[in-house]
Structures are given as C-alpha cells and as structure tokens.
C-alpha cells in the first residue's frame, strides 16, 4: 500500500551538483507529509546517490537524459498507478 502524502515533489536532476543537496535540504525542512522523488535523468558519477544518501527521498533511475519534461512524465506519471 502506498502511503498517503499531502504533496509529492518530483526533482529531476542531471548534473545538479551541490544545488541538489541544497534543494533536498530545503524540502526536508517543510512541514507536512511530503513525498520527495528524485529522478536521476542520466547523471554520471554517483552525484545523485551521494546527495540523496541518508535522506527521506525515493530515487528513480532513468538510465538516460530525457530532458526535464521527459523525466517528469515518464517516471513520475507511472509511480502511483
């Protein structure tokens, strides 16, 4: 059973660097039941995994860079079917 969240946030990341860590820090400080999905849009070198380590986020791997819209639509749209 998928838990009920007030808000689902989809962060599509590709070569995000330190900005992803700052983004996740900010999201984790928000009140309420927040689901955080980080879509790895073909990033290399483990930067996505490193930024997400120890956080309450769900990683979704794309395997290739589909662009911002492609990352949102292809993965986020099918997660709660």
PDB file of N, CA and C in Angstrom:
ATOM      1  N   UNK A   1       0.837  -1.183   0.000  1.00  0.00           N
ATOM      2  CA  UNK A   1       0.000   0.000   0.000  1.00  0.00           C
ATOM      3  C   UNK A   1       0.883   1.249   0.000  1.00  0.00           C
ATOM      4  N   UNK A   2       0.587   2.170  -0.859  1.00  0.00           N
ATOM      5  CA  UNK A   2       1.338   3.416  -0.954  1.00  0.00           C
ATOM      6  C   UNK A   2       0.838   4.372   0.120  1.00  0.00           C
ATOM      7  N   UNK A   3       1.749   4.930   0.956  1.00  0.00           N
ATOM      8  CA  UNK A   3       1.296   5.866   1.988  1.00  0.00           C
ATOM      9  C   UNK A   3       0.679   7.117   1.380  1.00  0.00           C
ATOM     10  N   UNK A   4      -0.248   7.717   2.118  1.00  0.00           N
ATOM     11  CA  UNK A   4      -0.889   8.952   1.653  1.00  0.00           C
ATOM     12  C   UNK A   4      -0.010  10.146   2.009  1.00  0.00           C
ATOM     13  N   UNK A   5       0.315  10.939   1.028  1.00  0.00           N
ATOM     14  CA  UNK A   5       1.108  12.133   1.238  1.00  0.00           C
ATOM     15  C   UNK A   5       0.260  13.345   0.884  1.00  0.00           C
ATOM     16  N   UNK A   6       0.519  14.453   1.562  1.00  0.00           N
ATOM     17  CA  UNK A   6      -0.164  15.702   1.229  1.00  0.00           C
ATOM     18  C   UNK A   6       0.327  16.222  -0.109  1.00  0.00           C
ATOM     19  N   UNK A   7       1.641  16.121  -0.309  1.00  0.00           N
ATOM     20  CA  UNK A   7       2.274  16.685  -1.501  1.00  0.00           C
ATOM     21  C   UNK A   7       3.369  15.737  -1.969  1.00  0.00           C
ATOM     22  N   UNK A   8       3.447  15.550  -3.279  1.00  0.00           N
ATOM     23  CA  UNK A   8       4.564  14.820  -3.874  1.00  0.00           C
ATOM     24  C   UNK A   8       5.384  15.819  -4.670  1.00  0.00           C
ATOM     25  N   UNK A   9       6.689  15.823  -4.433  1.00  0.00           N
ATOM     26  CA  UNK A   9       7.599  16.722  -5.136  1.00  0.00           C
ATOM     27  C   UNK A   9       8.511  15.874  -6.008  1.00  0.00           C
ATOM     28  N   UNK A  10       8.575  16.203  -7.294  1.00  0.00           N
ATOM     29  CA  UNK A  10       9.439  15.483  -8.224  1.00  0.00           C
ATOM     30  C   UNK A  10      10.594  16.411  -8.593  1.00  0.00           C
ATOM     31  N   UNK A  11      11.808  15.989  -8.258  1.00  0.00           N
ATOM     32  CA  UNK A  11      13.009  16.747  -8.588  1.00  0.00           C
ATOM     33  C   UNK A  11      13.737  15.970  -9.680  1.00  0.00           C
ATOM     34  N   UNK A  12      13.792  16.537 -10.873  1.00  0.00           N
ATOM     35  CA  UNK A  12      14.505  15.899 -11.980  1.00  0.00           C
ATOM     36  C   UNK A  12      15.925  16.458 -11.972  1.00  0.00           C
ATOM     37  N   UNK A  13      16.914  15.573 -11.826  1.00  0.00           N
ATOM     38  CA  UNK A  13      18.289  16.029 -11.659  1.00  0.00           C
ATOM     39  C   UNK A  13      19.215  15.463 -12.739  1.00  0.00           C
ATOM     40  N   UNK A  14      20.023  16.341 -13.289  1.00  0.00           N
ATOM     41  CA  UNK A  14      21.072  15.965 -14.244  1.00  0.00           C
ATOM     42  C   UNK A  14      22.193  16.977 -14.065  1.00  0.00           C
ATOM     43  N   UNK A  15      23.348  16.490 -13.639  1.00  0.00           N
ATOM     44  CA  UNK A  15      24.486  17.381 -13.353  1.00  0.00           C
ATOM     45  C   UNK A  15      24.091  18.494 -12.386  1.00  0.00           C
ATOM     46  N   UNK A  16      23.392  18.130 -11.333  1.00  0.00           N
ATOM     47  CA  UNK A  16      22.872  19.116 -10.387  1.00  0.00           C
ATOM     48  C   UNK A  16      23.916  19.598  -9.384  1.00  0.00           C
ATOM     49  N   UNK A  17      24.912  18.774  -9.116  1.00  0.00           N
ATOM     50  CA  UNK A  17      25.960  19.176  -8.194  1.00  0.00           C
ATOM     51  C   UNK A  17      25.428  19.520  -6.815  1.00  0.00           C
ATOM     52  N   UNK A  18      26.027  20.529  -6.191  1.00  0.00           N
ATOM     53  CA  UNK A  18      25.661  20.939  -4.834  1.00  0.00           C
ATOM     54  C   UNK A  18      24.248  21.501  -4.759  1.00  0.00           C
ATOM     55  N   UNK A  19      23.707  21.979  -5.873  1.00  0.00           N
ATOM     56  CA  UNK A  19      22.348  22.538  -5.874  1.00  0.00           C
ATOM     57  C   UNK A  19      21.320  21.485  -5.465  1.00  0.00           C
ATOM     58  N   UNK A  20      21.534  20.233  -5.823  1.00  0.00           N
ATOM     59  CA  UNK A  20      20.596  19.185  -5.451  1.00  0.00           C
ATOM     60  C   UNK A  20      20.572  19.011  -3.938  1.00  0.00           C
ATOM     61  N   UNK A  21      21.714  19.009  -3.311  1.00  0.00           N
ATOM     62  CA  UNK A  21      21.779  18.899  -1.851  1.00  0.00           C
ATOM     63  C   UNK A  21      21.046  20.044  -1.168  1.00  0.00           C
ATOM     64  N   UNK A  22      21.234  21.254  -1.669  1.00  0.00           N
ATOM     65  CA  UNK A  22      20.537  22.418  -1.095  1.00  0.00           C
ATOM     66  C   UNK A  22      19.027  22.306  -1.301  1.00  0.00           C
ATOM     67  N   UNK A  23      18.622  21.836  -2.458  1.00  0.00           N
ATOM     68  CA  UNK A  23      17.204  21.643  -2.756  1.00  0.00           C
ATOM     69  C   UNK A  23      16.590  20.634  -1.785  1.00  0.00           C
ATOM     70  N   UNK A  24      17.260  19.504  -1.595  1.00  0.00           N
ATOM     71  CA  UNK A  24      16.746  18.473  -0.701  1.00  0.00           C
ATOM     72  C   UNK A  24      16.732  18.950   0.743  1.00  0.00           C
ATOM     73  N   UNK A  25      17.738  19.723   1.148  1.00  0.00           N
ATOM     74  CA  UNK A  25      17.745  20.316   2.494  1.00  0.00           C
ATOM     75  C   UNK A  25      16.490  21.148   2.708  1.00  0.00           C
ATOM     76  N   UNK A  26      16.183  21.991   1.745  1.00  0.00           N
ATOM     77  CA  UNK A  26      15.017  22.865   1.842  1.00  0.00           C
ATOM     78  C   UNK A  26      13.718  22.064   1.893  1.00  0.00           C
ATOM     79  N   UNK A  27      13.597  21.060   1.042  1.00  0.00           N
ATOM     80  CA  UNK A  27      12.390  20.251   1.035  1.00  0.00           C
ATOM     81  C   UNK A  27      12.186  19.514   2.352  1.00  0.00           C
ATOM     82  N   UNK A  28      13.262  19.014   2.929  1.00  0.00           N
ATOM     83  CA  UNK A  28      13.147  18.276   4.187  1.00  0.00           C
ATOM     84  C   UNK A  28      12.760  19.167   5.359  1.00  0.00           C
ATOM     85  N   UNK A  29      12.950  20.454   5.233  1.00  0.00           N
ATOM     86  CA  UNK A  29      12.563  21.390   6.306  1.00  0.00           C
ATOM     87  C   UNK A  29      11.085  21.769   6.260  1.00  0.00           C
ATOM     88  N   UNK A  30      10.380  21.357   5.226  1.00  0.00           N
ATOM     89  CA  UNK A  30       8.973  21.714   5.084  1.00  0.00           C
ATOM     90  C   UNK A  30       8.101  20.903   6.042  1.00  0.00           C
ATOM     91  N   UNK A  31       6.990  21.495   6.441  1.00  0.00           N
ATOM     92  CA  UNK A  31       6.034  20.813   7.311  1.00  0.00           C
ATOM     93  C   UNK A  31       5.122  19.906   6.485  1.00  0.00           C
ATOM     94  N   UNK A  32       4.502  18.950   7.142  1.00  0.00           N
ATOM     95  CA  UNK A  32       3.527  18.094   6.480  1.00  0.00           C
ATOM     96  C   UNK A  32       4.140  16.822   5.933  1.00  0.00           C
ATOM     97  N   UNK A  33       3.270  15.975   5.434  1.00  0.00           N
ATOM     98  CA  UNK A  33       3.685  14.721   4.835  1.00  0.00           C
ATOM     99  C   UNK A  33       4.109  14.983   3.393  1.00  0.00           C
ATOM    100  N   UNK A  34       5.395  14.978   3.168  1.00  0.00           N
ATOM    101  CA  UNK A  34       5.955  15.324   1.869  1.00  0.00           C
ATOM    102  C   UNK A  34       6.669  14.114   1.285  1.00  0.00           C
ATOM    103  N   UNK A  35       6.278  13.726   0.090  1.00  0.00           N
ATOM    104  CA  UNK A  35       6.964  12.659  -0.634  1.00  0.00           C
ATOM    105  C   UNK A  35       7.949  13.329  -1.583  1.00  0.00           C
ATOM    106  N   UNK A  36       9.216  12.952  -1.492  1.00  0.00           N
ATOM    107  CA  UNK A  36      10.244  13.551  -2.339  1.00  0.00           C
ATOM    108  C   UNK A  36      10.791  12.479  -3.274  1.00  0.00           C
ATOM    109  N   UNK A  37      10.590  12.683  -4.567  1.00  0.00           N
ATOM    110  CA  UNK A  37      11.086  11.770  -5.594  1.00  0.00           C
ATOM    111  C   UNK A  37      12.212  12.469  -6.344  1.00  0.00           C
ATOM    112  N   UNK A  38      13.370  11.856  -6.390  1.00  0.00           N
ATOM    113  CA  UNK A  38      14.488  12.408  -7.143  1.00  0.00           C
ATOM    114  C   UNK A  38      14.689  11.530  -8.366  1.00  0.00           C
ATOM    115  N   UNK A  39      14.453  12.108  -9.541  1.00  0.00           N
ATOM    116  CA  UNK A  39      14.608  11.396 -10.794  1.00  0.00           C
ATOM    117  C   UNK A  39      16.016  11.641 -11.317  1.00  0.00           C
ATOM    118  N   UNK A  40      16.812  10.576 -11.379  1.00  0.00           N
ATOM    119  CA  UNK A  40      18.162  10.647 -11.925  1.00  0.00           C
ATOM    120  C   UNK A  40      18.034  10.597 -13.437  1.00  0.00           C
ATOM    121  N   UNK A  41      18.161  11.745 -14.060  1.00  0.00           N
ATOM    122  CA  UNK A  41      17.956  11.879 -15.504  1.00  0.00           C
ATOM    123  C   UNK A  41      19.262  11.674 -16.266  1.00  0.00           C
ATOM    124  N   UNK A  42      19.898  10.538 -16.010  1.00  0.00           N
ATOM    125  CA  UNK A  42      21.103  10.185 -16.741  1.00  0.00           C
ATOM    126  C   UNK A  42      22.382  10.809 -16.217  1.00  0.00           C
ATOM    127  N   UNK A  43      22.401  11.221 -14.958  1.00  0.00           N
ATOM    128  CA  UNK A  43      23.622  11.798 -14.381  1.00  0.00           C
ATOM    129  C   UNK A  43      24.672  10.700 -14.213  1.00  0.00           C
ATOM    130  N   UNK A  44      25.921  11.080 -14.280  1.00  0.00           N
ATOM    131  CA  UNK A  44      27.015  10.124 -14.119  1.00  0.00           C
ATOM    132  C   UNK A  44      27.814  10.454 -12.864  1.00  0.00           C
ATOM    133  N   UNK A  45      28.518   9.474 -12.353  1.00  0.00           N
ATOM    134  CA  UNK A  45      29.444   9.717 -11.261  1.00  0.00           C
ATOM    135  C   UNK A  45      28.867   9.590  -9.867  1.00  0.00           C
ATOM    136  N   UNK A  46      27.607   9.195  -9.732  1.00  0.00           N
ATOM    137  CA  UNK A  46      27.035   8.966  -8.415  1.00  0.00           C
ATOM    138  C   UNK A  46      26.635  10.202  -7.639  1.00  0.00           C
ATOM    139  N   UNK A  47      26.599  11.378  -8.288  1.00  0.00           N
ATOM    140  CA  UNK A  47      26.266  12.610  -7.558  1.00  0.00           C
ATOM    141  C   UNK A  47      24.847  12.592  -7.002  1.00  0.00           C
ATOM    142  N   UNK A  48      23.913  11.967  -7.709  1.00  0.00           N
ATOM    143  CA  UNK A  48      22.526  11.900  -7.250  1.00  0.00           C
ATOM    144  C   UNK A  48      22.444  11.034  -5.996  1.00  0.00           C
ATOM    145  N   UNK A  49      23.039   9.860  -6.051  1.00  0.00           N
ATOM    146  CA  UNK A  49      23.035   8.954  -4.910  1.00  0.00           C
ATOM    147  C   UNK A  49      23.704   9.590  -3.709  1.00  0.00           C
ATOM    148  N   UNK A  50      24.797  10.286  -3.930  1.00  0.00           N
ATOM    149  CA  UNK A  50      25.524  10.945  -2.846  1.00  0.00           C
ATOM    150  C   UNK A  50      24.660  12.014  -2.177  1.00  0.00           C
ATOM    151  N   UNK A  51      23.982  12.825  -2.967  1.00  0.00           N
ATOM    152  CA  UNK A  51      23.138  13.890  -2.412  1.00  0.00           C
ATOM    153  C   UNK A  51      21.939  13.309  -1.671  1.00  0.00           C
ATOM    154  N   UNK A  52      21.438  12.157  -2.109  1.00  0.00           N
ATOM    155  CA  UNK A  52      20.245  11.559  -1.514  1.00  0.00           C
ATOM    156  C   UNK A  52      20.558  10.667  -0.313  1.00  0.00           C
ATOM    157  N   UNK A  53      21.800  10.314  -0.112  1.00  0.00           N
ATOM    158  CA  UNK A  53      22.178   9.387   0.962  1.00  0.00           C
ATOM    159  C   UNK A  53      21.721   9.913   2.324  1.00  0.00           C
ATOM    160  N   UNK A  54      21.067   9.047   3.074  1.00  0.00           N
ATOM    161  CA  UNK A  54      20.629   9.385   4.423  1.00  0.00           C
ATOM    162  C   UNK A  54      19.410  10.289   4.489  1.00  0.00           C
ATOM    163  N   UNK A  55      18.776  10.522   3.365  1.00  0.00           N
ATOM    164  CA  UNK A  55      17.598  11.397   3.338  1.00  0.00           C
ATOM    165  C   UNK A  55      16.340  10.570   3.115  1.00  0.00           C
ATOM    166  N   UNK A  56      15.195  11.177   3.378  1.00  0.00           N
ATOM    167  CA  UNK A  56      13.908  10.501   3.157  1.00  0.00           C
ATOM    168  C   UNK A  56      13.409  10.798   1.743  1.00  0.00           C
ATOM    169  N   UNK A  57      14.145  10.329   0.778  1.00  0.00           N
ATOM    170  CA  UNK A  57      13.790  10.536  -0.626  1.00  0.00           C
ATOM    171  C   UNK A  57      13.702   9.183  -1.323  1.00  0.00           C
ATOM    172  N   UNK A  58      12.998   9.167  -2.409  1.00  0.00           N
ATOM    173  CA  UNK A  58      12.904   7.964  -3.246  1.00  0.00           C
ATOM    174  C   UNK A  58      13.643   8.254  -4.548  1.00  0.00           C
ATOM    175  N   UNK A  59      14.652   7.463  -4.851  1.00  0.00           N
ATOM    176  CA  UNK A  59      15.414   7.628  -6.082  1.00  0.00           C
ATOM    177  C   UNK A  59      14.765   6.843  -7.214  1.00  0.00           C
ATOM    178  N   UNK A  60      14.689   7.489  -8.369  1.00  0.00           N
ATOM    179  CA  UNK A  60      14.127   6.862  -9.554  1.00  0.00           C
ATOM    180  C   UNK A  60      15.151   7.025 -10.673  1.00  0.00           C
ATOM    181  N   UNK A  61      15.687   5.929 -11.164  1.00  0.00           N
ATOM    182  CA  UNK A  61      16.702   5.988 -12.220  1.00  0.00           C
ATOM    183  C   UNK A  61      16.082   5.985 -13.608  1.00  0.00           C
ATOM    184  N   UNK A  62      16.586   6.829 -14.477  1.00  0.00           N
ATOM    185  CA  UNK A  62      16.100   6.893 -15.860  1.00  0.00           C
ATOM    186  C   UNK A  62      17.009   6.128 -16.810  1.00  0.00           C
ATOM    187  N   UNK A  63      18.309   6.138 -16.533  1.00  0.00           N
ATOM    188  CA  UNK A  63      19.245   5.465 -17.415  1.00  0.00           C
ATOM    189  C   UNK A  63      19.731   6.321 -18.568  1.00  0.00           C
ATOM    190  N   UNK A  64      18.982   7.381 -18.868  1.00  0.00           N
ATOM    191  CA  UNK A  64      19.385   8.295 -19.935  1.00  0.00           C
ATOM    192  C   UNK A  64      18.760   9.666 -19.665  1.00  0.00           C
ATOM    193  N   UNK A  65      19.273  10.677 -20.326  1.00  0.00           N
ATOM    194  CA  UNK A  65      18.752  12.028 -20.161  1.00  0.00           C
ATOM    195  C   UNK A  65      17.600  12.241 -21.136  1.00  0.00           C
ATOM    196  N   UNK A  66      16.396  12.361 -20.582  1.00  0.00           N
ATOM    197  CA  UNK A  66      15.207  12.592 -21.398  1.00  0.00           C
ATOM    198  C   UNK A  66      14.749  14.046 -21.342  1.00  0.00           C
ATOM    199  N   UNK A  67      15.538  14.893 -20.715  1.00  0.00           N
ATOM    200  CA  UNK A  67      15.128  16.284 -20.556  1.00  0.00           C
ATOM    201  C   UNK A  67      14.198  16.429 -19.373  1.00  0.00           C
ATOM    202  N   UNK A  68      13.907  17.666 -19.005  1.00  0.00           N
ATOM    203  CA  UNK A  68      13.084  17.934 -17.834  1.00  0.00           C
ATOM    204  C   UNK A  68      11.687  17.340 -17.972  1.00  0.00           C
ATOM    205  N   UNK A  69      11.005  17.651 -19.049  1.00  0.00           N
ATOM    206  CA  UNK A  69       9.638  17.147 -19.237  1.00  0.00           C
ATOM    207  C   UNK A  69       9.615  15.626 -19.335  1.00  0.00           C
ATOM    208  N   UNK A  70      10.553  15.057 -20.056  1.00  0.00           N
ATOM    209  CA  UNK A  70      10.612  13.609 -20.201  1.00  0.00           C
ATOM    210  C   UNK A  70      10.847  12.915 -18.873  1.00  0.00           C
ATOM    211  N   UNK A  71      11.705  13.483 -18.047  1.00  0.00           N
ATOM    212  CA  UNK A  71      11.976  12.919 -16.728  1.00  0.00           C
ATOM    213  C   UNK A  71      10.752  12.942 -15.836  1.00  0.00           C
ATOM    214  N   UNK A  72      10.005  14.024 -15.899  1.00  0.00           N
ATOM    215  CA  UNK A  72       8.781  14.131 -15.100  1.00  0.00           C
ATOM    216  C   UNK A  72       7.722  13.155 -15.593  1.00  0.00           C
ATOM    217  N   UNK A  73       7.472  13.168 -16.879  1.00  0.00           N
ATOM    218  CA  UNK A  73       6.365  12.396 -17.430  1.00  0.00           C
ATOM    219  C   UNK A  73       6.601  10.901 -17.405  1.00  0.00           C
ATOM    220  N   UNK A  74       7.760  10.484 -17.835  1.00  0.00           N
ATOM    221  CA  UNK A  74       7.994   9.037 -17.975  1.00  0.00           C
ATOM    222  C   UNK A  74       8.024   8.331 -16.635  1.00  0.00           C
ATOM    223  N   UNK A  75       8.635   8.922 -15.642  1.00  0.00           N
ATOM    224  CA  UNK A  75       8.756   8.247 -14.351  1.00  0.00           C
ATOM    225  C   UNK A  75       7.680   8.648 -13.360  1.00  0.00           C
ATOM    226  N   UNK A  76       7.515   9.916 -13.098  1.00  0.00           N
ATOM    227  CA  UNK A  76       6.579  10.336 -12.066  1.00  0.00           C
ATOM    228  C   UNK A  76       5.156   9.937 -12.402  1.00  0.00           C
ATOM    229  N   UNK A  77       4.811   9.973 -13.679  1.00  0.00           N
ATOM    230  CA  UNK A  77       3.457   9.623 -14.075  1.00  0.00           C
ATOM    231  C   UNK A  77       3.110   8.176 -13.822  1.00  0.00           C
ATOM    232  N   UNK A  78       4.105   7.303 -13.786  1.00  0.00           N
ATOM    233  CA  UNK A  78       3.820   5.883 -13.589  1.00  0.00           C
ATOM    234  C   UNK A  78       4.091   5.362 -12.205  1.00  0.00           C
ATOM    235  N   UNK A  79       4.446   6.198 -11.263  1.00  0.00           N
ATOM    236  CA  UNK A  79       4.826   5.712  -9.942  1.00  0.00           C
ATOM    237  C   UNK A  79       3.644   5.322  -9.075  1.00  0.00           C
ATOM    238  N   UNK A  80       2.515   5.958  -9.250  1.00  0.00           N
ATOM    239  CA  UNK A  80       1.378   5.696  -8.368  1.00  0.00           C
ATOM    240  C   UNK A  80       0.201   5.086  -9.105  1.00  0.00           C
ATOM    241  N   UNK A  81       0.486   4.215 -10.022  1.00  0.00           N
ATOM    242  CA  UNK A  81      -0.593   3.586 -10.803  1.00  0.00           C
ATOM    243  C   UNK A  81      -1.415   2.650  -9.947  1.00  0.00           C
TER     244      UNK A  81
END
